[in-house]
Amino acid sequence: MARMKKAKSGSHKTRPMGARSPKTMDEYFAQVSEPAHSTLQKMRALILAAAPAETTEAISYGIPTFKYNGSLVALAAFKNHCSLFPMGASVLAGIADEIKDYQVSKGTLHFPVDKPMPARLVRKIVKLRVAQNESKKRR
């Protein structure tokens, strides 16, 4: 049987900050250092303002996730960036011109740890995801 290589310590560069199994969003944010902490809190407020009142907050796969008729969007802080996860690349493909200044990786938008995304862009992504989730519910 072939031996598997052991991962080097510190090789998980994309591990979210605050990845010590939080149970709530507040626990997750408490583990995130500044300036990412303030940036994620601002993003949280933008998302909640744009989402329907029935939207709930949860931890899913170890990161803050907003749910409305299923997963809506999620957030995470990493060492060198923060990420917005719109739960699939289809939303991002539809707004490619508006996100050209951001690094996009596997359906995830990366933004600076010290600067939240513009409110209008967050609103647009959330509204598109709400529409997607509502259309799945009607099927």
C-alpha atoms as a PDB file:
ATOM      1  CA  MET A   1       0.000   0.000   0.000  1.00  0.00           C
ATOM      2  CA  ALA A   2       1.334   3.433  -0.956  1.00  0.00           C
ATOM      3  CA  ARG A   3       1.984   5.880   1.840  1.00  0.00           C
ATOM      4  CA  MET A   4       0.060   9.115   1.740  1.00  0.00           C
ATOM      5  CA  LYS A   5       1.992  12.317   2.150  1.00  0.00           C
ATOM      6  CA  LYS A   6       1.284  14.133   5.361  1.00  0.00           C
ATOM      7  CA  ALA A   7       0.147  17.711   4.905  1.00  0.00           C
ATOM      8  CA  LYS A   8       2.687  20.240   6.099  1.00  0.00           C
ATOM      9  CA  SER A   9       1.723  22.266   9.110  1.00  0.00           C
ATOM     10  CA  GLY A  10       0.293  25.585   8.029  1.00  0.00           C
ATOM     11  CA  SER A  11      -0.527  24.337   4.559  1.00  0.00           C
ATOM     12  CA  HIS A  12      -4.197  25.301   4.922  1.00  0.00           C
ATOM     13  CA  LYS A  13      -3.802  28.919   3.835  1.00  0.00           C
ATOM     14  CA  THR A  14      -7.485  29.231   3.019  1.00  0.00           C
ATOM     15  CA  ARG A  15      -8.763  28.117   6.414  1.00  0.00           C
ATOM     16  CA  PRO A  16     -11.203  30.730   7.697  1.00  0.00           C
ATOM     17  CA  MET A  17     -10.122  32.842  10.628  1.00  0.00           C
ATOM     18  CA  GLY A  18     -12.238  31.840  13.559  1.00  0.00           C
ATOM     19  CA  ALA A  19     -12.494  28.253  12.331  1.00  0.00           C
ATOM     20  CA  ARG A  20     -12.604  26.763  15.858  1.00  0.00           C
ATOM     21  CA  SER A  21     -16.096  25.328  15.465  1.00  0.00           C
ATOM     22  CA  PRO A  22     -18.262  28.282  16.493  1.00  0.00           C
ATOM     23  CA  LYS A  23     -21.902  27.502  17.195  1.00  0.00           C
ATOM     24  CA  THR A  24     -23.273  30.970  16.387  1.00  0.00           C
ATOM     25  CA  MET A  25     -22.379  33.903  14.189  1.00  0.00           C
ATOM     26  CA  ASP A  26     -21.493  35.960  17.243  1.00  0.00           C
ATOM     27  CA  GLU A  27     -19.040  33.230  18.344  1.00  0.00           C
ATOM     28  CA  TYR A  28     -17.494  33.232  14.857  1.00  0.00           C
ATOM     29  CA  PHE A  29     -17.112  37.016  14.810  1.00  0.00           C
ATOM     30  CA  ALA A  30     -15.631  36.999  18.331  1.00  0.00           C
ATOM     31  CA  GLN A  31     -12.776  34.850  16.986  1.00  0.00           C
ATOM     32  CA  VAL A  32     -12.001  37.192  14.069  1.00  0.00           C
ATOM     33  CA  SER A  33      -9.428  39.917  14.653  1.00  0.00           C
ATOM     34  CA  GLU A  34      -9.546  43.486  13.380  1.00  0.00           C
ATOM     35  CA  PRO A  35      -9.882  44.827  10.767  1.00  0.00           C
ATOM     36  CA  ALA A  36     -11.693  41.767   9.375  1.00  0.00           C
ATOM     37  CA  HIS A  37     -14.060  41.708  12.369  1.00  0.00           C
ATOM     38  CA  SER A  38     -15.471  45.181  11.635  1.00  0.00           C
ATOM     39  CA  THR A  39     -15.580  44.474   7.901  1.00  0.00           C
ATOM     40  CA  LEU A  40     -17.617  41.279   8.385  1.00  0.00           C
ATOM     41  CA  GLN A  41     -19.963  43.013  10.835  1.00  0.00           C
ATOM     42  CA  LYS A  42     -20.646  45.707   8.219  1.00  0.00           C
ATOM     43  CA  MET A  43     -21.248  43.026   5.586  1.00  0.00           C
ATOM     44  CA  ARG A  44     -23.590  41.216   7.995  1.00  0.00           C
ATOM     45  CA  ALA A  45     -25.651  44.389   8.417  1.00  0.00           C
ATOM     46  CA  LEU A  46     -25.774  44.950   4.637  1.00  0.00           C
ATOM     47  CA  ILE A  47     -26.911  41.383   4.000  1.00  0.00           C
ATOM     48  CA  LEU A  48     -29.599  41.483   6.680  1.00  0.00           C
ATOM     49  CA  ALA A  49     -30.873  44.826   5.368  1.00  0.00           C
ATOM     50  CA  ALA A  50     -31.203  43.402   1.852  1.00  0.00           C
ATOM     51  CA  ALA A  51     -32.604  39.995   2.793  1.00  0.00           C
ATOM     52  CA  PRO A  52     -36.231  39.195   3.650  1.00  0.00           C
ATOM     53  CA  ALA A  53     -37.227  39.548   7.304  1.00  0.00           C
ATOM     54  CA  GLU A  54     -37.542  35.748   7.577  1.00  0.00           C
ATOM     55  CA  THR A  55     -33.814  35.301   6.920  1.00  0.00           C
ATOM     56  CA  THR A  56     -31.996  33.456   9.683  1.00  0.00           C
ATOM     57  CA  GLU A  57     -28.350  33.273  10.663  1.00  0.00           C
ATOM     58  CA  ALA A  58     -26.509  29.992  11.139  1.00  0.00           C
ATOM     59  CA  ILE A  59     -23.089  28.430  11.027  1.00  0.00           C
ATOM     60  CA  SER A  60     -22.762  26.066   8.100  1.00  0.00           C
ATOM     61  CA  TYR A  61     -19.485  24.370   7.210  1.00  0.00           C
ATOM     62  CA  GLY A  62     -17.891  26.443   9.965  1.00  0.00           C
ATOM     63  CA  ILE A  63     -18.760  29.855   8.504  1.00  0.00           C
ATOM     64  CA  PRO A  64     -21.539  32.422   8.989  1.00  0.00           C
ATOM     65  CA  THR A  65     -24.405  31.603   6.640  1.00  0.00           C
ATOM     66  CA  PHE A  66     -27.643  33.453   5.977  1.00  0.00           C
ATOM     67  CA  LYS A  67     -30.624  31.236   5.210  1.00  0.00           C
ATOM     68  CA  TYR A  68     -33.847  31.967   3.406  1.00  0.00           C
ATOM     69  CA  ASN A  69     -35.537  29.036   1.670  1.00  0.00           C
ATOM     70  CA  GLY A  70     -32.140  27.347   1.889  1.00  0.00           C
ATOM     71  CA  SER A  71     -28.674  28.862   2.035  1.00  0.00           C
ATOM     72  CA  LEU A  72     -28.626  32.412   0.744  1.00  0.00           C
ATOM     73  CA  VAL A  73     -25.061  33.717   1.149  1.00  0.00           C
ATOM     74  CA  ALA A  74     -22.180  33.144   3.536  1.00  0.00           C
ATOM     75  CA  LEU A  75     -19.191  35.137   4.811  1.00  0.00           C
ATOM     76  CA  ALA A  76     -15.741  34.256   6.063  1.00  0.00           C
ATOM     77  CA  ALA A  77     -12.505  35.918   7.085  1.00  0.00           C
ATOM     78  CA  PHE A  78      -9.161  34.564   5.970  1.00  0.00           C
ATOM     79  CA  LYS A  79      -5.611  35.717   6.638  1.00  0.00           C
ATOM     80  CA  ASN A  80      -5.331  38.018   3.608  1.00  0.00           C
ATOM     81  CA  HIS A  81      -8.934  38.571   2.522  1.00  0.00           C
ATOM     82  CA  CYS A  82     -12.590  38.174   3.384  1.00  0.00           C
ATOM     83  CA  SER A  83     -15.011  36.236   1.214  1.00  0.00           C
ATOM     84  CA  LEU A  84     -18.649  36.420   0.229  1.00  0.00           C
ATOM     85  CA  PHE A  85     -20.066  33.077  -0.870  1.00  0.00           C
ATOM     86  CA  PRO A  86     -23.190  33.512  -3.027  1.00  0.00           C
ATOM     87  CA  MET A  87     -23.725  29.731  -2.951  1.00  0.00           C
ATOM     88  CA  GLY A  88     -22.928  29.102  -6.579  1.00  0.00           C
ATOM     89  CA  ALA A  89     -21.228  30.718  -9.529  1.00  0.00           C
ATOM     90  CA  SER A  90     -24.413  31.444 -11.508  1.00  0.00           C
ATOM     91  CA  VAL A  91     -25.098  34.732  -9.692  1.00  0.00           C
ATOM     92  CA  LEU A  92     -21.533  35.875 -10.249  1.00  0.00           C
ATOM     93  CA  ALA A  93     -21.640  35.006 -13.942  1.00  0.00           C
ATOM     94  CA  GLY A  94     -24.655  37.291 -14.336  1.00  0.00           C
ATOM     95  CA  ILE A  95     -22.870  40.288 -12.810  1.00  0.00           C
ATOM     96  CA  ALA A  96     -19.374  39.758 -14.221  1.00  0.00           C
ATOM     97  CA  ASP A  97     -18.948  43.427 -15.208  1.00  0.00           C
ATOM     98  CA  GLU A  98     -19.822  44.601 -11.697  1.00  0.00           C
ATOM     99  CA  ILE A  99     -17.337  42.299  -9.967  1.00  0.00           C
ATOM    100  CA  LYS A 100     -14.399  42.690 -12.349  1.00  0.00           C
ATOM    101  CA  ASP A 101     -12.386  44.515  -9.662  1.00  0.00           C
ATOM    102  CA  TYR A 102     -12.669  41.563  -7.257  1.00  0.00           C
ATOM    103  CA  GLN A 103     -10.842  38.262  -7.244  1.00  0.00           C
ATOM    104  CA  VAL A 104     -13.317  35.479  -7.927  1.00  0.00           C
ATOM    105  CA  SER A 105     -12.467  31.931  -6.925  1.00  0.00           C
ATOM    106  CA  LYS A 106     -14.866  28.987  -7.386  1.00  0.00           C
ATOM    107  CA  GLY A 107     -17.987  31.086  -7.004  1.00  0.00           C
ATOM    108  CA  THR A 108     -16.548  33.166  -4.173  1.00  0.00           C
ATOM    109  CA  LEU A 109     -15.840  36.877  -4.126  1.00  0.00           C
ATOM    110  CA  HIS A 110     -12.723  37.959  -2.245  1.00  0.00           C
ATOM    111  CA  PHE A 111     -12.596  41.460  -0.802  1.00  0.00           C
ATOM    112  CA  PRO A 112     -10.078  43.275   1.430  1.00  0.00           C
ATOM    113  CA  VAL A 113     -10.086  42.559   5.169  1.00  0.00           C
ATOM    114  CA  ASP A 114     -10.385  46.285   5.821  1.00  0.00           C
ATOM    115  CA  LYS A 115     -13.052  47.258   3.294  1.00  0.00           C
ATOM    116  CA  PRO A 116     -16.557  45.822   2.925  1.00  0.00           C
ATOM    117  CA  MET A 117     -18.043  45.467  -0.534  1.00  0.00           C
ATOM    118  CA  PRO A 118     -20.246  48.355  -1.748  1.00  0.00           C
ATOM    119  CA  ALA A 119     -23.780  48.238  -0.353  1.00  0.00           C
ATOM    120  CA  ARG A 120     -25.412  48.296  -3.805  1.00  0.00           C
ATOM    121  CA  LEU A 121     -23.394  45.243  -4.903  1.00  0.00           C
ATOM    122  CA  VAL A 122     -24.218  43.309  -1.730  1.00  0.00           C
ATOM    123  CA  ARG A 123     -27.904  44.206  -2.143  1.00  0.00           C
ATOM    124  CA  LYS A 124     -27.861  43.033  -5.755  1.00  0.00           C
ATOM    125  CA  ILE A 125     -26.227  39.696  -4.918  1.00  0.00           C
ATOM    126  CA  VAL A 126     -28.617  39.068  -2.031  1.00  0.00           C
ATOM    127  CA  LYS A 127     -31.679  39.961  -4.146  1.00  0.00           C
ATOM    128  CA  LEU A 128     -30.506  37.645  -6.946  1.00  0.00           C
ATOM    129  CA  ARG A 129     -30.006  34.816  -4.458  1.00  0.00           C
ATOM    130  CA  VAL A 130     -33.430  35.432  -2.890  1.00  0.00           C
ATOM    131  CA  ALA A 131     -34.995  35.184  -6.348  1.00  0.00           C
ATOM    132  CA  GLN A 132     -33.112  31.945  -7.045  1.00  0.00           C
ATOM    133  CA  ASN A 133     -34.173  30.390  -3.749  1.00  0.00           C
ATOM    134  CA  GLU A 134     -37.775  31.475  -4.205  1.00  0.00           C
ATOM    135  CA  SER A 135     -37.895  29.989  -7.712  1.00  0.00           C
ATOM    136  CA  LYS A 136     -36.579  26.658  -6.336  1.00  0.00           C
ATOM    137  CA  LYS A 137     -39.307  26.712  -3.693  1.00  0.00           C
ATOM    138  CA  ARG A 138     -42.052  27.141  -6.333  1.00  0.00           C
ATOM    139  CA  ARG A 139     -40.933  24.095  -8.303  1.00  0.00           C
END
